[in-house]
Amino acid sequence: MKYLSLEFYKIKRKKIILMTFLFVAVEIMWCIMNSNRALIKNPDMLSGFEYSYMIMSFTSLNGLFFPILISIITSRISDIEHKGDTWKLLKASATPLNSIYFSKFLCSTILISVSILLQILAILGFASFKDFIEPFSMSLIIKYTLGTILVSIAIIALHQWVATVFQNQMLAVTLGMLGSFIGLTSGLFFQGIRRLFIWSYYIELTPLNYAYDTALGSSVYKVNMNFSMTVLIFFVGMLIYYIGKNHLLNKEI
């Protein structure tokens, strides 16, 4: 807790929390505008599926926004230690690097988890404003939250690894931009190809999917959440975290 509190103190000066909030605010506004337009344009297709459509919209946008957001957060947090050769000082002192590494990972995870919570609050707020016909489903919200957090944790582990071991933070941000492109277009890939890229699992683990009708437009339908893929992405995230932590501990700084 001591190291986690220290991380939040350091990012407060970097305005990372404010940047995260503004980033998510743009995503929420985009989703609300897009959902409102779709609900007005296709009432016959989406009436009774309003919650589902908003959740699916956030899922699609998360593939675009979250890889970039995560890359910026992990890069800014790690850059604090790169400047002034702080990693070298920490390694030379009695400070446990694995605790520092974990606190940075946990700090990023908390910021993303709060972002997901803001999305859910936005869905509930918009629902009360528009009087959704679809009954509120806690099960659907839990599945969406679980899938999004697990994918984000795995991506945080990957980007933190890159941001920690490479001093040039443009590499981490570029990786985030690449991940954003893959996350945005992953729905167009064949399933076998899509599963090779960690950023595409926002779509892969969603409890919903899009259906398209050339005459009536888009709609959504519920699918069974892939339990094996959910477990797999959790272990992949933990494996990447373990490799990244040990890379830092064994790296000549």
Protein backbone atom coordinates (compact mmCIF):
# COMPACT_ATOMS: atom_id res chain seq x y z
CA MET A 1 0.00 0.00 0.00
CA LYS A 2 2.89 2.34 0.74
CA TYR A 3 4.30 2.01 -2.79
CA LEU A 4 0.82 2.25 -4.35
CA SER A 5 0.15 5.49 -2.47
CA LEU A 6 3.49 6.79 -3.68
CA GLU A 7 2.58 5.98 -7.29
CA PHE A 8 -0.68 7.91 -7.02
CA TYR A 9 1.19 10.83 -5.48
CA LYS A 10 3.63 10.86 -8.40
CA ILE A 11 0.96 10.59 -11.12
CA LYS A 12 -1.02 13.40 -9.48
CA ARG A 13 1.77 15.78 -10.45
CA LYS A 14 1.79 14.32 -13.98
CA LYS A 15 -2.01 14.92 -14.31
CA ILE A 16 -2.46 11.31 -15.47
CA ILE A 17 -5.75 11.00 -13.57
CA LEU A 18 -7.14 14.09 -15.31
CA MET A 19 -5.95 12.82 -18.68
CA THR A 20 -7.63 9.44 -18.06
CA PHE A 21 -10.90 11.12 -17.09
CA LEU A 22 -10.91 13.33 -20.21
CA PHE A 23 -10.04 10.37 -22.43
CA VAL A 24 -12.93 8.30 -21.05
CA ALA A 25 -15.29 11.30 -21.18
CA VAL A 26 -14.71 11.56 -24.94
CA GLU A 27 -15.42 7.84 -25.33
CA ILE A 28 -18.62 8.11 -23.27
CA MET A 29 -19.86 11.11 -25.27
CA TRP A 30 -19.09 9.30 -28.52
CA CYS A 31 -20.97 6.19 -27.35
CA ILE A 32 -24.01 8.12 -26.14
CA MET A 33 -24.28 10.12 -29.36
CA ASN A 34 -23.86 7.01 -31.50
CA SER A 35 -26.37 5.00 -29.43
CA ASN A 36 -28.93 7.80 -29.40
CA ARG A 37 -28.68 8.13 -33.19
CA ALA A 38 -29.02 4.37 -33.67
CA LEU A 39 -32.02 4.09 -31.32
CA ILE A 40 -33.82 6.88 -33.17
CA LYS A 41 -32.94 5.53 -36.62
CA ASN A 42 -33.72 1.85 -35.95
CA PRO A 43 -36.43 1.73 -33.24
CA ASP A 44 -37.94 -1.49 -34.64
CA MET A 45 -34.61 -3.32 -34.47
CA LEU A 46 -33.28 -1.93 -31.19
CA SER A 47 -36.40 -1.45 -29.08
CA GLY A 48 -35.96 -3.80 -26.15
CA PHE A 49 -32.20 -4.09 -26.75
CA GLU A 50 -31.11 -0.63 -25.63
CA TYR A 51 -28.80 -1.73 -22.80
CA SER A 52 -27.30 -4.40 -25.02
CA TYR A 53 -26.63 -1.96 -27.85
CA MET A 54 -24.88 0.53 -25.54
CA ILE A 55 -22.73 -2.20 -23.99
CA MET A 56 -21.79 -3.47 -27.43
CA SER A 57 -20.98 0.08 -28.52
CA PHE A 58 -18.65 0.52 -25.54
CA THR A 59 -17.06 -2.85 -26.33
CA SER A 60 -16.25 -1.73 -29.87
CA LEU A 61 -14.96 1.65 -28.70
CA ASN A 62 -12.82 0.06 -25.98
CA GLY A 63 -10.90 -1.76 -28.70
CA LEU A 64 -10.09 1.65 -30.16
CA PHE A 65 -9.61 3.79 -27.02
CA PHE A 66 -8.23 1.51 -24.32
CA PRO A 67 -5.00 0.32 -26.02
CA ILE A 68 -3.96 3.95 -26.55
CA LEU A 69 -5.09 4.98 -23.06
CA ILE A 70 -3.27 2.06 -21.43
CA SER A 71 -0.09 2.74 -23.41
CA ILE A 72 -0.13 6.41 -22.33
CA ILE A 73 -0.81 5.57 -18.66
CA THR A 74 1.88 2.88 -18.41
CA SER A 75 4.33 5.01 -20.38
CA ARG A 76 3.85 8.09 -18.18
CA ILE A 77 4.06 6.03 -14.99
CA SER A 78 7.25 4.25 -16.10
CA ASP A 79 8.82 7.39 -17.54
CA ILE A 80 8.93 8.84 -14.03
CA GLU A 81 11.54 6.22 -13.11
CA HIS A 82 13.46 6.46 -16.39
CA LYS A 83 14.14 10.15 -15.89
CA GLY A 84 17.12 10.72 -13.65
CA ASP A 85 18.10 7.03 -13.77
CA THR A 86 15.76 6.29 -10.86
CA TRP A 87 15.64 2.60 -11.80
CA LYS A 88 19.39 2.41 -11.25
CA LEU A 89 19.09 4.09 -7.86
CA LEU A 90 16.25 1.79 -6.82
CA LYS A 91 18.17 -1.30 -7.87
CA ALA A 92 21.24 -0.14 -5.96
CA SER A 93 19.19 0.51 -2.83
CA ALA A 94 17.27 -1.92 -0.64
CA THR A 95 13.97 -1.00 -2.33
CA PRO A 96 12.31 -4.16 -3.73
CA LEU A 97 11.85 -3.61 -7.47
CA ASN A 98 9.13 -6.25 -7.65
CA SER A 99 7.02 -4.17 -5.22
CA ILE A 100 7.57 -1.03 -7.31
CA TYR A 101 6.67 -2.93 -10.48
CA PHE A 102 3.51 -4.35 -8.89
CA SER A 103 2.43 -0.96 -7.54
CA LYS A 104 2.72 0.55 -11.04
CA PHE A 105 0.72 -2.36 -12.47
CA LEU A 106 -1.95 -1.98 -9.77
CA CYS A 107 -2.10 1.78 -10.26
CA SER A 108 -2.78 1.37 -14.00
CA THR A 109 -5.36 -1.35 -13.30
CA ILE A 110 -7.24 0.88 -10.84
CA LEU A 111 -7.37 3.75 -13.34
CA ILE A 112 -8.78 1.48 -16.05
CA SER A 113 -11.24 -0.16 -13.63
CA VAL A 114 -12.56 3.28 -12.64
CA SER A 115 -12.90 4.08 -16.35
CA ILE A 116 -15.06 0.98 -16.83
CA LEU A 117 -17.16 1.98 -13.81
CA LEU A 118 -17.73 5.41 -15.39
CA GLN A 119 -18.93 3.67 -18.56
CA ILE A 120 -21.48 1.65 -16.57
CA LEU A 121 -22.69 4.78 -14.77
CA ALA A 122 -23.06 6.49 -18.15
CA ILE A 123 -25.18 3.58 -19.42
CA LEU A 124 -27.43 3.74 -16.35
CA GLY A 125 -27.72 7.52 -16.59
CA PHE A 126 -28.61 7.44 -20.28
CA ALA A 127 -31.07 4.60 -19.62
CA SER A 128 -32.98 6.64 -17.02
CA PHE A 129 -33.05 9.61 -19.40
CA LYS A 130 -34.32 7.59 -22.39
CA ASP A 131 -36.59 5.14 -20.50
CA PHE A 132 -35.13 1.94 -21.93
CA ILE A 133 -37.64 -0.84 -22.60
CA GLU A 134 -35.07 -3.60 -22.14
CA PRO A 135 -34.99 -4.82 -18.50
CA PHE A 136 -31.78 -4.06 -16.66
CA SER A 137 -29.56 -7.17 -16.55
CA MET A 138 -26.97 -7.34 -13.77
CA SER A 139 -25.64 -10.55 -15.31
CA LEU A 140 -24.93 -8.75 -18.59
CA ILE A 141 -23.17 -5.89 -16.78
CA ILE A 142 -21.04 -8.31 -14.75
CA LYS A 143 -20.02 -10.27 -17.86
CA TYR A 144 -19.11 -7.08 -19.70
CA THR A 145 -17.14 -5.73 -16.72
CA LEU A 146 -15.30 -9.01 -16.12
CA GLY A 147 -14.32 -9.47 -19.76
CA THR A 148 -13.20 -5.85 -20.17
CA ILE A 149 -11.13 -5.84 -16.97
CA LEU A 150 -9.40 -9.16 -17.74
CA VAL A 151 -8.44 -8.05 -21.26
CA SER A 152 -7.28 -4.68 -19.94
CA ILE A 153 -5.14 -6.35 -17.26
CA ALA A 154 -3.38 -8.46 -19.89
CA ILE A 155 -2.79 -5.39 -22.08
CA ILE A 156 -1.54 -3.39 -19.07
CA ALA A 157 0.95 -6.18 -18.30
CA LEU A 158 2.23 -6.11 -21.90
CA HIS A 159 2.51 -2.34 -22.18
CA GLN A 160 4.07 -1.94 -18.75
CA TRP A 161 6.71 -4.49 -19.69
CA VAL A 162 7.59 -2.52 -22.83
CA ALA A 163 7.43 0.87 -21.06
CA THR A 164 9.64 -0.37 -18.22
CA VAL A 165 12.45 -2.05 -20.13
CA PHE A 166 12.73 0.51 -22.95
CA GLN A 167 13.70 4.07 -22.08
CA ASN A 168 12.31 5.42 -25.35
CA GLN A 169 8.61 5.69 -24.52
CA MET A 170 7.66 6.23 -28.16
CA LEU A 171 7.97 2.46 -28.55
CA ALA A 172 5.28 1.90 -25.92
CA VAL A 173 2.97 4.54 -27.40
CA THR A 174 3.48 3.21 -30.94
CA LEU A 175 2.58 -0.27 -29.69
CA GLY A 176 -0.58 1.23 -28.21
CA MET A 177 -1.50 2.81 -31.54
CA LEU A 178 -0.95 -0.51 -33.29
CA GLY A 179 -3.09 -2.24 -30.67
CA SER A 180 -5.80 0.38 -31.15
CA PHE A 181 -5.92 -0.31 -34.89
CA ILE A 182 -6.12 -4.06 -34.29
CA GLY A 183 -8.77 -3.62 -31.59
CA LEU A 184 -10.88 -1.44 -33.90
CA THR A 185 -10.69 -3.77 -36.90
CA SER A 186 -10.56 -7.14 -35.10
CA GLY A 187 -14.23 -7.80 -35.79
CA LEU A 188 -13.32 -8.08 -39.48
CA PHE A 189 -10.69 -10.80 -38.88
CA PHE A 190 -11.27 -14.52 -39.05
CA GLN A 191 -11.62 -15.91 -35.53
CA GLY A 192 -8.37 -17.89 -35.75
CA ILE A 193 -6.44 -14.75 -36.71
CA ARG A 194 -8.27 -12.52 -34.23
CA ARG A 195 -7.29 -14.72 -31.29
CA LEU A 196 -3.59 -14.19 -32.01
CA PHE A 197 -3.79 -10.53 -30.92
CA ILE A 198 -4.39 -9.63 -27.30
CA TRP A 199 -6.10 -6.31 -28.15
CA SER A 200 -8.85 -8.10 -30.09
CA TYR A 201 -10.18 -9.86 -26.98
CA TYR A 202 -12.43 -6.92 -26.12
CA ILE A 203 -14.59 -8.25 -28.97
CA GLU A 204 -13.74 -11.90 -28.34
CA LEU A 205 -14.97 -11.89 -24.70
CA THR A 206 -18.06 -9.74 -25.19
CA PRO A 207 -21.38 -11.31 -24.11
CA LEU A 208 -22.99 -9.66 -27.15
CA ASN A 209 -22.53 -9.43 -30.89
CA TYR A 210 -23.74 -7.33 -33.77
CA ALA A 211 -26.20 -8.47 -36.41
CA TYR A 212 -26.65 -6.53 -39.64
CA ASP A 213 -29.62 -6.25 -41.95
CA THR A 214 -29.16 -4.36 -45.20
CA ALA A 215 -32.70 -3.04 -45.06
CA LEU A 216 -33.29 -2.46 -41.35
CA GLY A 217 -29.76 -1.70 -40.11
CA SER A 218 -27.78 -3.03 -37.15
CA SER A 219 -29.03 -4.90 -34.10
CA VAL A 220 -27.46 -6.91 -31.28
CA TYR A 221 -27.94 -10.37 -29.84
CA LYS A 222 -26.64 -12.13 -26.76
CA VAL A 223 -24.03 -14.90 -26.96
CA ASN A 224 -22.58 -17.24 -24.38
CA MET A 225 -19.38 -15.88 -22.89
CA ASN A 226 -16.44 -18.10 -23.83
CA PHE A 227 -15.33 -19.40 -20.43
CA SER A 228 -12.15 -21.07 -21.72
CA MET A 229 -11.07 -17.88 -23.48
CA THR A 230 -11.81 -15.89 -20.32
CA VAL A 231 -9.58 -18.18 -18.24
CA LEU A 232 -6.94 -18.16 -20.98
CA ILE A 233 -6.69 -14.38 -21.17
CA PHE A 234 -6.34 -14.23 -17.37
CA PHE A 235 -3.39 -16.64 -17.39
CA VAL A 236 -1.85 -14.92 -20.42
CA GLY A 237 -1.99 -11.62 -18.53
CA MET A 238 -0.37 -13.15 -15.46
CA LEU A 239 2.32 -14.79 -17.61
CA ILE A 240 3.14 -11.50 -19.36
CA TYR A 241 3.29 -9.75 -15.97
CA TYR A 242 5.65 -12.41 -14.60
CA ILE A 243 7.94 -12.23 -17.64
CA GLY A 244 8.00 -8.43 -17.57
CA LYS A 245 8.77 -8.30 -13.84
CA ASN A 246 11.62 -10.80 -14.14
CA HIS A 247 12.98 -9.00 -17.20
CA LEU A 248 13.27 -5.84 -15.10
CA LEU A 249 14.82 -7.66 -12.14
CA ASN A 250 17.45 -9.35 -14.32
CA LYS A 251 18.08 -6.42 -16.64
CA GLU A 252 21.37 -4.55 -16.44
CA ILE A 253 20.30 -0.97 -15.66
